[in-house]
Amino acid sequence: MDSTLCDLELRCIDPMSRSQLLRALRPRLECLPPDLREGLEEKPDGWLRLLLLAARLIFALQMLQPGSRGQQ
């Protein structure tokens, strides 16, 4: 299941343009450590893709935790 989620995310992220990557990353920046949030505009596209994947996966994990906003 975990590898399937990663595969789906990568298929969605891979074709994104730089501006799409930056727009998608901004709402999830709070999921990343402070040092990874800095200087997004200067980072290469491959790095932005990895950051977006990491942020989305961290967000999904946070939603699965008991007591999170995503748990009812």
N, C-alpha and C. Protein backbone atom coordinates (compact mmCIF):
# COMPACT_ATOMS: atom_id res chain seq x y z
N MET A 1 0.82 -1.19 0.00
CA MET A 1 0.00 0.00 0.00
C MET A 1 0.86 1.25 0.00
N ASP A 2 1.92 1.29 0.83
CA ASP A 2 2.76 2.48 0.92
C ASP A 2 3.45 2.77 -0.41
N SER A 3 3.96 1.73 -1.07
CA SER A 3 4.64 1.96 -2.34
C SER A 3 3.64 2.42 -3.39
N THR A 4 2.40 1.96 -3.31
CA THR A 4 1.38 2.41 -4.25
C THR A 4 1.11 3.90 -4.08
N LEU A 5 1.02 4.36 -2.85
CA LEU A 5 0.81 5.78 -2.59
C LEU A 5 1.97 6.60 -3.16
N CYS A 6 3.18 6.16 -2.93
CA CYS A 6 4.35 6.85 -3.46
C CYS A 6 4.34 6.88 -4.99
N ASP A 7 4.00 5.75 -5.59
CA ASP A 7 3.93 5.68 -7.05
C ASP A 7 2.90 6.66 -7.61
N LEU A 8 1.73 6.70 -6.99
CA LEU A 8 0.68 7.62 -7.43
C LEU A 8 1.13 9.07 -7.30
N GLU A 9 1.73 9.39 -6.18
CA GLU A 9 2.20 10.76 -5.96
C GLU A 9 3.27 11.13 -6.98
N LEU A 10 4.20 10.23 -7.23
CA LEU A 10 5.26 10.52 -8.20
C LEU A 10 4.71 10.72 -9.60
N ARG A 11 3.71 9.93 -9.98
CA ARG A 11 3.11 10.10 -11.30
C ARG A 11 2.42 11.45 -11.43
N CYS A 12 1.90 11.94 -10.34
CA CYS A 12 1.25 13.25 -10.33
C CYS A 12 2.28 14.38 -10.33
N ILE A 13 3.36 14.19 -9.58
CA ILE A 13 4.37 15.25 -9.39
C ILE A 13 5.31 15.36 -10.58
N ASP A 14 5.71 14.26 -11.18
CA ASP A 14 6.72 14.27 -12.24
C ASP A 14 6.43 15.25 -13.38
N PRO A 15 5.21 15.31 -13.91
CA PRO A 15 4.99 16.21 -15.04
C PRO A 15 4.78 17.68 -14.67
N MET A 16 4.82 18.00 -13.38
CA MET A 16 4.55 19.38 -12.96
C MET A 16 5.65 20.33 -13.41
N SER A 17 5.23 21.52 -13.80
CA SER A 17 6.18 22.58 -14.13
C SER A 17 6.72 23.17 -12.83
N ARG A 18 7.74 23.97 -12.94
CA ARG A 18 8.34 24.61 -11.77
C ARG A 18 7.31 25.45 -11.01
N SER A 19 6.53 26.23 -11.72
CA SER A 19 5.53 27.08 -11.05
C SER A 19 4.46 26.23 -10.37
N GLN A 20 4.08 25.12 -10.98
CA GLN A 20 3.12 24.22 -10.35
C GLN A 20 3.69 23.59 -9.09
N LEU A 21 4.96 23.22 -9.14
CA LEU A 21 5.61 22.64 -7.96
C LEU A 21 5.62 23.64 -6.81
N LEU A 22 5.99 24.86 -7.10
CA LEU A 22 6.04 25.88 -6.05
C LEU A 22 4.66 26.16 -5.49
N ARG A 23 3.65 26.24 -6.34
CA ARG A 23 2.27 26.47 -5.88
C ARG A 23 1.79 25.30 -5.01
N ALA A 24 2.13 24.09 -5.38
CA ALA A 24 1.71 22.92 -4.61
C ALA A 24 2.46 22.81 -3.29
N LEU A 25 3.68 23.27 -3.26
CA LEU A 25 4.49 23.17 -2.04
C LEU A 25 4.07 24.17 -0.96
N ARG A 26 3.73 25.35 -1.36
CA ARG A 26 3.47 26.42 -0.38
C ARG A 26 2.45 26.06 0.70
N PRO A 27 1.31 25.44 0.37
CA PRO A 27 0.35 25.09 1.43
C PRO A 27 0.83 23.98 2.37
N ARG A 28 1.86 23.25 2.00
CA ARG A 28 2.35 22.12 2.81
C ARG A 28 3.71 22.39 3.45
N LEU A 29 4.18 23.63 3.38
CA LEU A 29 5.50 23.94 3.93
C LEU A 29 5.60 23.64 5.42
N GLU A 30 4.50 23.79 6.15
CA GLU A 30 4.54 23.54 7.60
C GLU A 30 4.87 22.09 7.92
N CYS A 31 4.72 21.20 6.95
CA CYS A 31 5.05 19.78 7.15
C CYS A 31 6.55 19.52 7.10
N LEU A 32 7.30 20.45 6.54
CA LEU A 32 8.75 20.25 6.35
C LEU A 32 9.54 20.94 7.47
N PRO A 33 10.71 20.42 7.78
CA PRO A 33 11.58 21.09 8.76
C PRO A 33 11.99 22.48 8.25
N PRO A 34 12.22 23.41 9.16
CA PRO A 34 12.54 24.79 8.77
C PRO A 34 13.68 24.91 7.75
N ASP A 35 14.72 24.11 7.89
CA ASP A 35 15.86 24.25 6.98
C ASP A 35 15.51 23.85 5.55
N LEU A 36 14.49 23.01 5.37
CA LEU A 36 14.08 22.61 4.02
C LEU A 36 13.10 23.59 3.39
N ARG A 37 12.54 24.49 4.19
CA ARG A 37 11.59 25.48 3.69
C ARG A 37 12.28 26.67 3.04
N GLU A 38 13.54 26.85 3.36
CA GLU A 38 14.26 28.05 2.93
C GLU A 38 14.71 27.97 1.47
N GLY A 39 14.68 29.10 0.80
CA GLY A 39 15.24 29.22 -0.53
C GLY A 39 14.60 28.37 -1.60
N LEU A 40 13.31 28.19 -1.53
CA LEU A 40 12.64 27.34 -2.52
C LEU A 40 12.86 27.83 -3.95
N GLU A 41 12.84 29.13 -4.13
CA GLU A 41 12.98 29.70 -5.47
C GLU A 41 14.31 29.33 -6.13
N GLU A 42 15.33 29.08 -5.34
CA GLU A 42 16.66 28.76 -5.87
C GLU A 42 16.91 27.27 -6.06
N LYS A 43 16.03 26.46 -5.52
CA LYS A 43 16.25 25.01 -5.59
C LYS A 43 15.95 24.48 -7.00
N PRO A 44 16.69 23.46 -7.45
CA PRO A 44 16.41 22.85 -8.76
C PRO A 44 15.05 22.12 -8.74
N ASP A 45 14.49 21.91 -9.91
CA ASP A 45 13.18 21.27 -10.02
C ASP A 45 13.14 19.89 -9.37
N GLY A 46 14.19 19.10 -9.54
CA GLY A 46 14.23 17.78 -8.93
C GLY A 46 14.13 17.84 -7.42
N TRP A 47 14.77 18.82 -6.84
CA TRP A 47 14.72 19.03 -5.39
C TRP A 47 13.30 19.41 -4.97
N LEU A 48 12.65 20.28 -5.75
CA LEU A 48 11.27 20.69 -5.46
C LEU A 48 10.34 19.49 -5.51
N ARG A 49 10.56 18.59 -6.46
CA ARG A 49 9.73 17.39 -6.56
C ARG A 49 9.88 16.52 -5.31
N LEU A 50 11.11 16.36 -4.86
CA LEU A 50 11.34 15.56 -3.64
C LEU A 50 10.72 16.22 -2.41
N LEU A 51 10.83 17.54 -2.32
CA LEU A 51 10.23 18.25 -1.19
C LEU A 51 8.71 18.11 -1.20
N LEU A 52 8.12 18.22 -2.38
CA LEU A 52 6.67 18.09 -2.47
C LEU A 52 6.23 16.68 -2.10
N LEU A 53 6.94 15.68 -2.57
CA LEU A 53 6.62 14.30 -2.21
C LEU A 53 6.73 14.12 -0.69
N ALA A 54 7.80 14.61 -0.11
CA ALA A 54 7.99 14.48 1.34
C ALA A 54 6.88 15.20 2.09
N ALA A 55 6.55 16.41 1.69
CA ALA A 55 5.52 17.19 2.38
C ALA A 55 4.16 16.50 2.29
N ARG A 56 3.84 15.97 1.11
CA ARG A 56 2.55 15.29 0.95
C ARG A 56 2.49 14.02 1.79
N LEU A 57 3.56 13.27 1.84
CA LEU A 57 3.57 12.04 2.64
C LEU A 57 3.50 12.35 4.13
N ILE A 58 4.23 13.35 4.56
CA ILE A 58 4.18 13.74 5.98
C ILE A 58 2.77 14.21 6.34
N PHE A 59 2.16 14.99 5.47
CA PHE A 59 0.79 15.45 5.71
C PHE A 59 -0.16 14.26 5.83
N ALA A 60 -0.04 13.29 4.92
CA ALA A 60 -0.90 12.11 4.97
C ALA A 60 -0.70 11.33 6.27
N LEU A 61 0.55 11.19 6.69
CA LEU A 61 0.82 10.49 7.95
C LEU A 61 0.23 11.23 9.14
N GLN A 62 0.32 12.55 9.13
CA GLN A 62 -0.26 13.34 10.21
C GLN A 62 -1.77 13.16 10.28
N MET A 63 -2.41 13.05 9.12
CA MET A 63 -3.86 12.88 9.08
C MET A 63 -4.29 11.50 9.58
N LEU A 64 -3.38 10.53 9.52
CA LEU A 64 -3.70 9.18 9.99
C LEU A 64 -3.53 9.01 11.49
N GLN A 65 -2.89 9.95 12.14
CA GLN A 65 -2.67 9.84 13.59
C GLN A 65 -3.97 10.03 14.34
N PRO A 66 -4.18 9.25 15.38
CA PRO A 66 -5.39 9.44 16.20
C PRO A 66 -5.41 10.86 16.77
N GLY A 67 -6.59 11.47 16.72
CA GLY A 67 -6.75 12.81 17.26
C GLY A 67 -6.42 13.91 16.27
N SER A 68 -6.01 13.55 15.05
CA SER A 68 -5.69 14.58 14.06
C SER A 68 -6.99 15.10 13.46
N ARG A 69 -6.88 16.16 12.70
CA ARG A 69 -8.05 16.75 12.03
C ARG A 69 -8.68 15.75 11.08
N GLY A 70 -7.89 14.85 10.51
CA GLY A 70 -8.40 13.90 9.53
C GLY A 70 -9.11 12.71 10.14
N GLN A 71 -8.91 12.44 11.42
CA GLN A 71 -9.55 11.30 12.08
C GLN A 71 -10.87 11.71 12.68
N GLN A 72 -11.87 10.95 12.44
CA GLN A 72 -13.21 11.24 12.99
C GLN A 72 -13.54 10.23 14.06
